[in-house]
PDB file of N, CA and C in Angstrom:
ATOM      1  N   MET A   1      19.635  13.127  -7.406  1.00  0.00           N
ATOM      2  CA  MET A   1      19.657  12.368  -7.717  1.00  0.00           C
ATOM      3  C   MET A   1      19.030  11.229  -6.610  1.00  0.00           C
ATOM      4  N   GLU A   2      20.145  12.039  -5.012  1.00  0.00           N
ATOM      5  CA  GLU A   2      19.963  11.681  -3.883  1.00  0.00           C
ATOM      6  C   GLU A   2      18.364  11.506  -2.977  1.00  0.00           C
ATOM      7  N   ASP A   3      18.073  12.937  -3.717  1.00  0.00           N
ATOM      8  CA  ASP A   3      16.690  12.859  -2.537  1.00  0.00           C
ATOM      9  C   ASP A   3      15.114  12.232  -3.620  1.00  0.00           C
ATOM     10  N   ILE A   4      15.410  10.945  -4.382  1.00  0.00           N
ATOM     11  CA  ILE A   4      13.779  10.297  -4.931  1.00  0.00           C
ATOM     12  C   ILE A   4      13.818   9.814  -4.272  1.00  0.00           C
ATOM     13  N   PRO A   5      13.957   9.445  -2.960  1.00  0.00           N
ATOM     14  CA  PRO A   5      13.143   8.514  -2.598  1.00  0.00           C
ATOM     15  C   PRO A   5      12.000   9.360  -1.855  1.00  0.00           C
ATOM     16  N   GLU A   6      12.313   9.939  -1.316  1.00  0.00           N
ATOM     17  CA  GLU A   6      11.574  11.828  -0.224  1.00  0.00           C
ATOM     18  C   GLU A   6      10.986  12.055  -1.494  1.00  0.00           C
ATOM     19  N   LYS A   7      11.010  12.509  -3.273  1.00  0.00           N
ATOM     20  CA  LYS A   7      10.034  12.205  -3.026  1.00  0.00           C
ATOM     21  C   LYS A   7       9.026  11.976  -3.694  1.00  0.00           C
ATOM     22  N   VAL A   8       9.530  11.027  -3.735  1.00  0.00           N
ATOM     23  CA  VAL A   8       8.148   9.967  -4.535  1.00  0.00           C
ATOM     24  C   VAL A   8       6.990   9.299  -3.227  1.00  0.00           C
ATOM     25  N   ILE A   9       7.319   9.411  -2.104  1.00  0.00           N
ATOM     26  CA  ILE A   9       7.251   9.970  -0.762  1.00  0.00           C
ATOM     27  C   ILE A   9       5.956  10.513  -0.980  1.00  0.00           C
ATOM     28  N   ALA A  10       6.513  12.023  -0.586  1.00  0.00           N
ATOM     29  CA  ALA A  10       5.645  13.387  -0.400  1.00  0.00           C
ATOM     30  C   ALA A  10       5.227  13.343  -2.038  1.00  0.00           C
ATOM     31  N   ASN A  11       4.850  12.269  -3.643  1.00  0.00           N
ATOM     32  CA  ASN A  11       3.904  13.063  -3.919  1.00  0.00           C
ATOM     33  C   ASN A  11       2.446  11.720  -3.916  1.00  0.00           C
ATOM     34  N   GLY A  12       2.588  11.002  -2.613  1.00  0.00           N
ATOM     35  CA  GLY A  12       2.375  10.028  -2.404  1.00  0.00           C
ATOM     36  C   GLY A  12       1.819   8.826  -3.794  1.00  0.00           C
ATOM     37  N   LYS A  13       3.243   8.490  -4.517  1.00  0.00           N
ATOM     38  CA  LYS A  13       3.094   7.982  -5.186  1.00  0.00           C
ATOM     39  C   LYS A  13       4.244   7.222  -5.980  1.00  0.00           C
ATOM     40  N   SER A  14       4.381   5.577  -4.114  1.00  0.00           N
ATOM     41  CA  SER A  14       5.630   4.883  -3.774  1.00  0.00           C
ATOM     42  C   SER A  14       5.392   3.746  -4.261  1.00  0.00           C
ATOM     43  N   GLY A  15       5.120   3.231  -5.656  1.00  0.00           N
ATOM     44  CA  GLY A  15       4.828   2.035  -6.067  1.00  0.00           C
ATOM     45  C   GLY A  15       3.994   1.862  -5.921  1.00  0.00           C
ATOM     46  N   TRP A  16       3.901   0.030  -6.942  1.00  0.00           N
ATOM     47  CA  TRP A  16       2.519  -1.311  -7.418  1.00  0.00           C
ATOM     48  C   TRP A  16       2.726  -1.335  -6.028  1.00  0.00           C
ATOM     49  N   TYR A  17       1.744  -1.953  -5.979  1.00  0.00           N
ATOM     50  CA  TYR A  17       1.059  -3.138  -4.737  1.00  0.00           C
ATOM     51  C   TYR A  17       0.042  -3.992  -5.757  1.00  0.00           C
ATOM     52  N   LEU A  18       0.452  -5.003  -5.638  1.00  0.00           N
ATOM     53  CA  LEU A  18      -0.468  -6.730  -5.285  1.00  0.00           C
ATOM     54  C   LEU A  18       0.402  -7.180  -4.675  1.00  0.00           C
ATOM     55  N   ARG A  19      -0.778  -8.286  -6.043  1.00  0.00           N
ATOM     56  CA  ARG A  19       0.246 -10.288  -4.752  1.00  0.00           C
ATOM     57  C   ARG A  19      -0.600 -10.497  -5.995  1.00  0.00           C
ATOM     58  N   VAL A  20       1.064 -11.559  -6.324  1.00  0.00           N
ATOM     59  CA  VAL A  20       1.146 -12.674  -6.986  1.00  0.00           C
ATOM     60  C   VAL A  20       0.103 -13.523  -6.871  1.00  0.00           C
ATOM     61  N   LEU A  21      -0.503 -14.445  -6.499  1.00  0.00           N
ATOM     62  CA  LEU A  21      -1.157 -15.792  -6.424  1.00  0.00           C
ATOM     63  C   LEU A  21      -0.811 -17.429  -7.118  1.00  0.00           C
ATOM     64  N   ARG A  22      -0.581 -16.295  -8.265  1.00  0.00           N
ATOM     65  CA  ARG A  22      -0.366 -18.112  -9.545  1.00  0.00           C
ATOM     66  C   ARG A  22       1.245 -16.840 -10.283  1.00  0.00           C
ATOM     67  N   ASP A  23       1.659 -17.616 -10.680  1.00  0.00           N
ATOM     68  CA  ASP A  23       3.025 -17.489 -11.380  1.00  0.00           C
ATOM     69  C   ASP A  23       2.549 -17.603 -13.107  1.00  0.00           C
ATOM     70  N   GLY A  24       2.223 -17.268 -13.996  1.00  0.00           N
ATOM     71  CA  GLY A  24       2.209 -17.027 -15.411  1.00  0.00           C
ATOM     72  C   GLY A  24       2.142 -15.678 -15.697  1.00  0.00           C
ATOM     73  N   VAL A  25       2.232 -15.610 -17.252  1.00  0.00           N
ATOM     74  CA  VAL A  25       2.632 -15.155 -18.106  1.00  0.00           C
ATOM     75  C   VAL A  25       1.617 -14.094 -18.962  1.00  0.00           C
ATOM     76  N   ILE A  26       1.685 -12.756 -18.702  1.00  0.00           N
ATOM     77  CA  ILE A  26       0.457 -12.448 -19.658  1.00  0.00           C
ATOM     78  C   ILE A  26       1.354 -11.500 -19.971  1.00  0.00           C
ATOM     79  N   LYS A  27       0.094 -11.563 -21.254  1.00  0.00           N
ATOM     80  CA  LYS A  27       0.195 -10.291 -22.838  1.00  0.00           C
ATOM     81  C   LYS A  27      -0.085  -8.949 -23.277  1.00  0.00           C
ATOM     82  N   ALA A  28       0.463  -8.067 -24.096  1.00  0.00           N
ATOM     83  CA  ALA A  28      -0.407  -6.995 -24.238  1.00  0.00           C
ATOM     84  C   ALA A  28      -1.606  -7.194 -25.034  1.00  0.00           C
ATOM     85  N   GLY A  29      -2.262  -6.634 -24.317  1.00  0.00           N
ATOM     86  CA  GLY A  29      -4.076  -6.541 -24.673  1.00  0.00           C
ATOM     87  C   GLY A  29      -5.017  -7.492 -23.577  1.00  0.00           C
ATOM     88  N   GLN A  30      -4.223  -8.286 -23.185  1.00  0.00           N
ATOM     89  CA  GLN A  30      -5.170  -9.485 -22.290  1.00  0.00           C
ATOM     90  C   GLN A  30      -5.419  -8.369 -21.264  1.00  0.00           C
ATOM     91  N   THR A  31      -6.108  -8.281 -20.085  1.00  0.00           N
ATOM     92  CA  THR A  31      -6.729  -8.399 -19.413  1.00  0.00           C
ATOM     93  C   THR A  31      -7.125  -8.975 -17.534  1.00  0.00           C
ATOM     94  N   MET A  32      -6.975  -8.049 -17.318  1.00  0.00           N
ATOM     95  CA  MET A  32      -6.149  -8.668 -15.260  1.00  0.00           C
ATOM     96  C   MET A  32      -8.204  -8.077 -14.381  1.00  0.00           C
ATOM     97  N   LYS A  33      -8.568  -8.766 -13.814  1.00  0.00           N
ATOM     98  CA  LYS A  33      -9.568  -8.899 -12.656  1.00  0.00           C
ATOM     99  C   LYS A  33      -9.680  -9.076 -11.520  1.00  0.00           C
ATOM    100  N   LEU A  34      -9.418  -8.310 -11.317  1.00  0.00           N
ATOM    101  CA  LEU A  34      -9.166  -7.433  -9.577  1.00  0.00           C
ATOM    102  C   LEU A  34     -10.929  -8.692  -8.616  1.00  0.00           C
ATOM    103  N   LEU A  35     -10.109  -9.743  -7.925  1.00  0.00           N
ATOM    104  CA  LEU A  35     -10.486 -11.180  -7.180  1.00  0.00           C
ATOM    105  C   LEU A  35     -11.394  -9.822  -6.214  1.00  0.00           C
ATOM    106  N   GLU A  36     -10.793  -9.465  -4.842  1.00  0.00           N
ATOM    107  CA  GLU A  36     -11.297  -8.599  -3.862  1.00  0.00           C
ATOM    108  C   GLU A  36     -10.468  -7.433  -3.120  1.00  0.00           C
ATOM    109  N   ARG A  37     -11.071  -7.484  -3.036  1.00  0.00           N
ATOM    110  CA  ARG A  37     -10.680  -5.535  -2.254  1.00  0.00           C
ATOM    111  C   ARG A  37     -10.724  -5.374  -0.306  1.00  0.00           C
ATOM    112  N   PRO A  38     -10.292  -6.036   0.384  1.00  0.00           N
ATOM    113  CA  PRO A  38     -10.638  -6.700   2.040  1.00  0.00           C
ATOM    114  C   PRO A  38     -11.196  -4.611   2.316  1.00  0.00           C
ATOM    115  N   ASN A  39     -10.491  -3.954   2.112  1.00  0.00           N
ATOM    116  CA  ASN A  39     -10.276  -2.376   2.771  1.00  0.00           C
ATOM    117  C   ASN A  39     -10.787  -2.010   1.590  1.00  0.00           C
ATOM    118  N   PRO A  40     -12.581  -1.706   1.470  1.00  0.00           N
ATOM    119  CA  PRO A  40     -12.643  -0.812   0.238  1.00  0.00           C
ATOM    120  C   PRO A  40     -12.325   0.789   0.627  1.00  0.00           C
ATOM    121  N   ASP A  41     -12.134   0.892   2.151  1.00  0.00           N
ATOM    122  CA  ASP A  41     -12.876   2.004   2.139  1.00  0.00           C
ATOM    123  C   ASP A  41     -10.915   3.351   2.351  1.00  0.00           C
ATOM    124  N   TRP A  42      -9.791   1.950   2.258  1.00  0.00           N
ATOM    125  CA  TRP A  42      -8.407   2.135   2.358  1.00  0.00           C
ATOM    126  C   TRP A  42      -8.093   2.521   0.656  1.00  0.00           C
ATOM    127  N   SER A  43      -6.765   3.358   0.473  1.00  0.00           N
ATOM    128  CA  SER A  43      -5.812   3.338  -0.457  1.00  0.00           C
ATOM    129  C   SER A  43      -4.785   3.024  -0.343  1.00  0.00           C
ATOM    130  N   ILE A  44      -3.637   3.200  -1.053  1.00  0.00           N
ATOM    131  CA  ILE A  44      -2.413   2.605  -1.088  1.00  0.00           C
ATOM    132  C   ILE A  44      -1.916   4.887  -0.669  1.00  0.00           C
ATOM    133  N   ALA A  45      -1.900   4.900  -1.031  1.00  0.00           N
ATOM    134  CA  ALA A  45      -2.520   6.941  -0.737  1.00  0.00           C
ATOM    135  C   ALA A  45      -2.830   7.140   0.270  1.00  0.00           C
ATOM    136  N   ARG A  46      -4.075   6.404   0.631  1.00  0.00           N
ATOM    137  CA  ARG A  46      -4.644   7.020   2.018  1.00  0.00           C
ATOM    138  C   ARG A  46      -3.207   6.839   3.446  1.00  0.00           C
ATOM    139  N   ALA A  47      -2.922   5.063   2.849  1.00  0.00           N
ATOM    140  CA  ALA A  47      -2.356   3.932   4.100  1.00  0.00           C
ATOM    141  C   ALA A  47      -0.937   4.458   3.703  1.00  0.00           C
ATOM    142  N   ASN A  48      -0.486   5.380   2.441  1.00  0.00           N
ATOM    143  CA  ASN A  48       1.208   6.295   2.692  1.00  0.00           C
ATOM    144  C   ASN A  48       0.581   7.430   3.674  1.00  0.00           C
ATOM    145  N   GLU A  49       0.135   8.443   3.457  1.00  0.00           N
ATOM    146  CA  GLU A  49      -0.149   9.477   3.959  1.00  0.00           C
ATOM    147  C   GLU A  49      -0.286   8.868   5.860  1.00  0.00           C
ATOM    148  N   LEU A  50      -0.116   8.380   6.115  1.00  0.00           N
ATOM    149  CA  LEU A  50      -0.804   7.972   7.226  1.00  0.00           C
ATOM    150  C   LEU A  50       0.837   7.599   7.352  1.00  0.00           C
ATOM    151  N   MET A  51       1.295   6.711   7.097  1.00  0.00           N
ATOM    152  CA  MET A  51       2.302   6.132   7.622  1.00  0.00           C
ATOM    153  C   MET A  51       3.422   7.533   7.372  1.00  0.00           C
ATOM    154  N   PHE A  52       3.250   8.093   6.486  1.00  0.00           N
ATOM    155  CA  PHE A  52       4.768   9.241   6.331  1.00  0.00           C
ATOM    156  C   PHE A  52       4.336  10.331   6.370  1.00  0.00           C
ATOM    157  N   HIS A  53       3.509  11.282   6.829  1.00  0.00           N
ATOM    158  CA  HIS A  53       3.009  12.090   6.976  1.00  0.00           C
ATOM    159  C   HIS A  53       1.757  12.524   8.056  1.00  0.00           C
ATOM    160  N   ARG A  54       1.607  11.755   8.722  1.00  0.00           N
ATOM    161  CA  ARG A  54       0.671  11.875  10.096  1.00  0.00           C
ATOM    162  C   ARG A  54       0.574  10.042  10.711  1.00  0.00           C
ATOM    163  N   ARG A  55       2.055  10.412  11.301  1.00  0.00           N
ATOM    164  CA  ARG A  55       2.448   8.854  12.279  1.00  0.00           C
ATOM    165  C   ARG A  55       2.031  10.407  13.213  1.00  0.00           C
ATOM    166  N   ASP A  56       1.519  10.780  14.083  1.00  0.00           N
ATOM    167  CA  ASP A  56       0.993  10.920  15.715  1.00  0.00           C
ATOM    168  C   ASP A  56      -0.302  10.570  15.676  1.00  0.00           C
ATOM    169  N   ASP A  57      -1.354  10.499  14.149  1.00  0.00           N
ATOM    170  CA  ASP A  57      -1.859   9.613  14.707  1.00  0.00           C
ATOM    171  C   ASP A  57      -2.758   8.135  14.881  1.00  0.00           C
ATOM    172  N   LEU A  58      -2.403   8.182  16.397  1.00  0.00           N
ATOM    173  CA  LEU A  58      -2.892   7.121  16.670  1.00  0.00           C
ATOM    174  C   LEU A  58      -3.944   6.356  16.530  1.00  0.00           C
ATOM    175  N   GLY A  59      -5.431   6.769  16.201  1.00  0.00           N
ATOM    176  CA  GLY A  59      -6.116   5.842  16.194  1.00  0.00           C
ATOM    177  C   GLY A  59      -6.150   5.317  14.275  1.00  0.00           C
ATOM    178  N   TRP A  60      -6.100   6.229  13.472  1.00  0.00           N
ATOM    179  CA  TRP A  60      -6.021   5.837  12.212  1.00  0.00           C
ATOM    180  C   TRP A  60      -4.858   4.114  12.196  1.00  0.00           C
ATOM    181  N   ARG A  61      -3.317   4.735  12.853  1.00  0.00           N
ATOM    182  CA  ARG A  61      -2.932   3.787  13.157  1.00  0.00           C
ATOM    183  C   ARG A  61      -3.145   2.739  13.539  1.00  0.00           C
ATOM    184  N   ALA A  62      -4.312   2.661  14.955  1.00  0.00           N
ATOM    185  CA  ALA A  62      -4.461   1.309  15.440  1.00  0.00           C
ATOM    186  C   ALA A  62      -5.480   0.775  14.133  1.00  0.00           C
ATOM    187  N   ASN A  63      -6.606   1.318  13.251  1.00  0.00           N
ATOM    188  CA  ASN A  63      -7.325   1.130  12.409  1.00  0.00           C
ATOM    189  C   ASN A  63      -6.423   0.358  11.280  1.00  0.00           C
ATOM    190  N   LEU A  64      -5.315   0.953  11.271  1.00  0.00           N
ATOM    191  CA  LEU A  64      -4.391   0.220   9.948  1.00  0.00           C
ATOM    192  C   LEU A  64      -3.983  -1.224  10.353  1.00  0.00           C
ATOM    193  N   ARG A  65      -3.513  -0.992  11.707  1.00  0.00           N
ATOM    194  CA  ARG A  65      -2.669  -2.021  11.930  1.00  0.00           C
ATOM    195  C   ARG A  65      -4.054  -3.345  12.160  1.00  0.00           C
ATOM    196  N   ARG A  66      -5.113  -3.076  12.226  1.00  0.00           N
ATOM    197  CA  ARG A  66      -6.123  -4.692  12.291  1.00  0.00           C
ATOM    198  C   ARG A  66      -5.813  -4.944  11.014  1.00  0.00           C
ATOM    199  N   TRP A  67      -5.276  -4.583   9.527  1.00  0.00           N
ATOM    200  CA  TRP A  67      -5.572  -5.268   8.512  1.00  0.00           C
ATOM    201  C   TRP A  67      -5.220  -6.432   8.626  1.00  0.00           C
ATOM    202  N   SER A  68      -5.605  -7.937   8.397  1.00  0.00           N
ATOM    203  CA  SER A  68      -4.805  -9.271   7.934  1.00  0.00           C
ATOM    204  C   SER A  68      -4.300  -9.390   6.781  1.00  0.00           C
ATOM    205  N   CYS A  69      -4.741  -8.653   5.915  1.00  0.00           N
ATOM    206  CA  CYS A  69      -4.064  -8.292   4.869  1.00  0.00           C
ATOM    207  C   CYS A  69      -2.754  -7.352   4.510  1.00  0.00           C
ATOM    208  N   LEU A  70      -1.663  -6.870   6.129  1.00  0.00           N
ATOM    209  CA  LEU A  70      -1.105  -5.738   6.368  1.00  0.00           C
ATOM    210  C   LEU A  70       0.271  -6.862   6.106  1.00  0.00           C
ATOM    211  N   PRO A  71       1.047  -5.794   5.668  1.00  0.00           N
ATOM    212  CA  PRO A  71       2.549  -7.197   5.176  1.00  0.00           C
ATOM    213  C   PRO A  71       3.528  -6.580   6.892  1.00  0.00           C
ATOM    214  N   LYS A  72       3.863  -7.817   6.803  1.00  0.00           N
ATOM    215  CA  LYS A  72       4.429  -7.715   8.287  1.00  0.00           C
ATOM    216  C   LYS A  72       5.584  -6.345   8.057  1.00  0.00           C
ATOM    217  N   SER A  73       5.684  -6.020   7.061  1.00  0.00           N
ATOM    218  CA  SER A  73       6.388  -4.580   7.366  1.00  0.00           C
ATOM    219  C   SER A  73       6.435  -3.343   7.774  1.00  0.00           C
ATOM    220  N   TRP A  74       4.923  -3.751   7.521  1.00  0.00           N
ATOM    221  CA  TRP A  74       4.271  -2.845   7.621  1.00  0.00           C
ATOM    222  C   TRP A  74       4.348  -2.127   9.600  1.00  0.00           C
ATOM    223  N   ALA A  75       3.355  -3.713  10.357  1.00  0.00           N
ATOM    224  CA  ALA A  75       2.516  -4.121  10.972  1.00  0.00           C
ATOM    225  C   ALA A  75       3.982  -3.113  11.741  1.00  0.00           C
ATOM    226  N   VAL A  76       5.141  -3.621  11.873  1.00  0.00           N
ATOM    227  CA  VAL A  76       6.147  -3.239  12.558  1.00  0.00           C
ATOM    228  C   VAL A  76       6.306  -1.866  12.773  1.00  0.00           C
ATOM    229  N   ILE A  77       6.028  -0.846  11.398  1.00  0.00           N
ATOM    230  CA  ILE A  77       5.906  -0.200  11.917  1.00  0.00           C
ATOM    231  C   ILE A  77       5.577   0.706  12.049  1.00  0.00           C
ATOM    232  N   LEU A  78       3.762   0.535  12.261  1.00  0.00           N
ATOM    233  CA  LEU A  78       2.784   0.501  13.088  1.00  0.00           C
ATOM    234  C   LEU A  78       2.444   0.495  14.319  1.00  0.00           C
TER     235      LEU A  78
END
C-alpha cells in the first residue's frame, strides 16, 4: 500500500484535472460540455511525463511554465 503514489505516477494516471466554474448538480445521463482547451498540444499525461520523468528537459519546462492556466503549485515546481 505504501507504494501506491509511486505506481500512480509511474503509469501516468495521477487523477482528474478540471476546473469548476459554477457549483451545481449533475445527474447520471446528463452531458458535460468542453468549453475551451487553451493548450491542445499538451495533455495531462504529457505534463506528468515532464514533471515526474523528464525533469532535466529545460526546454519543455520553460514551455509549460508559460501557461496562464498552470496551477501555482506546478509553477513553483518548474
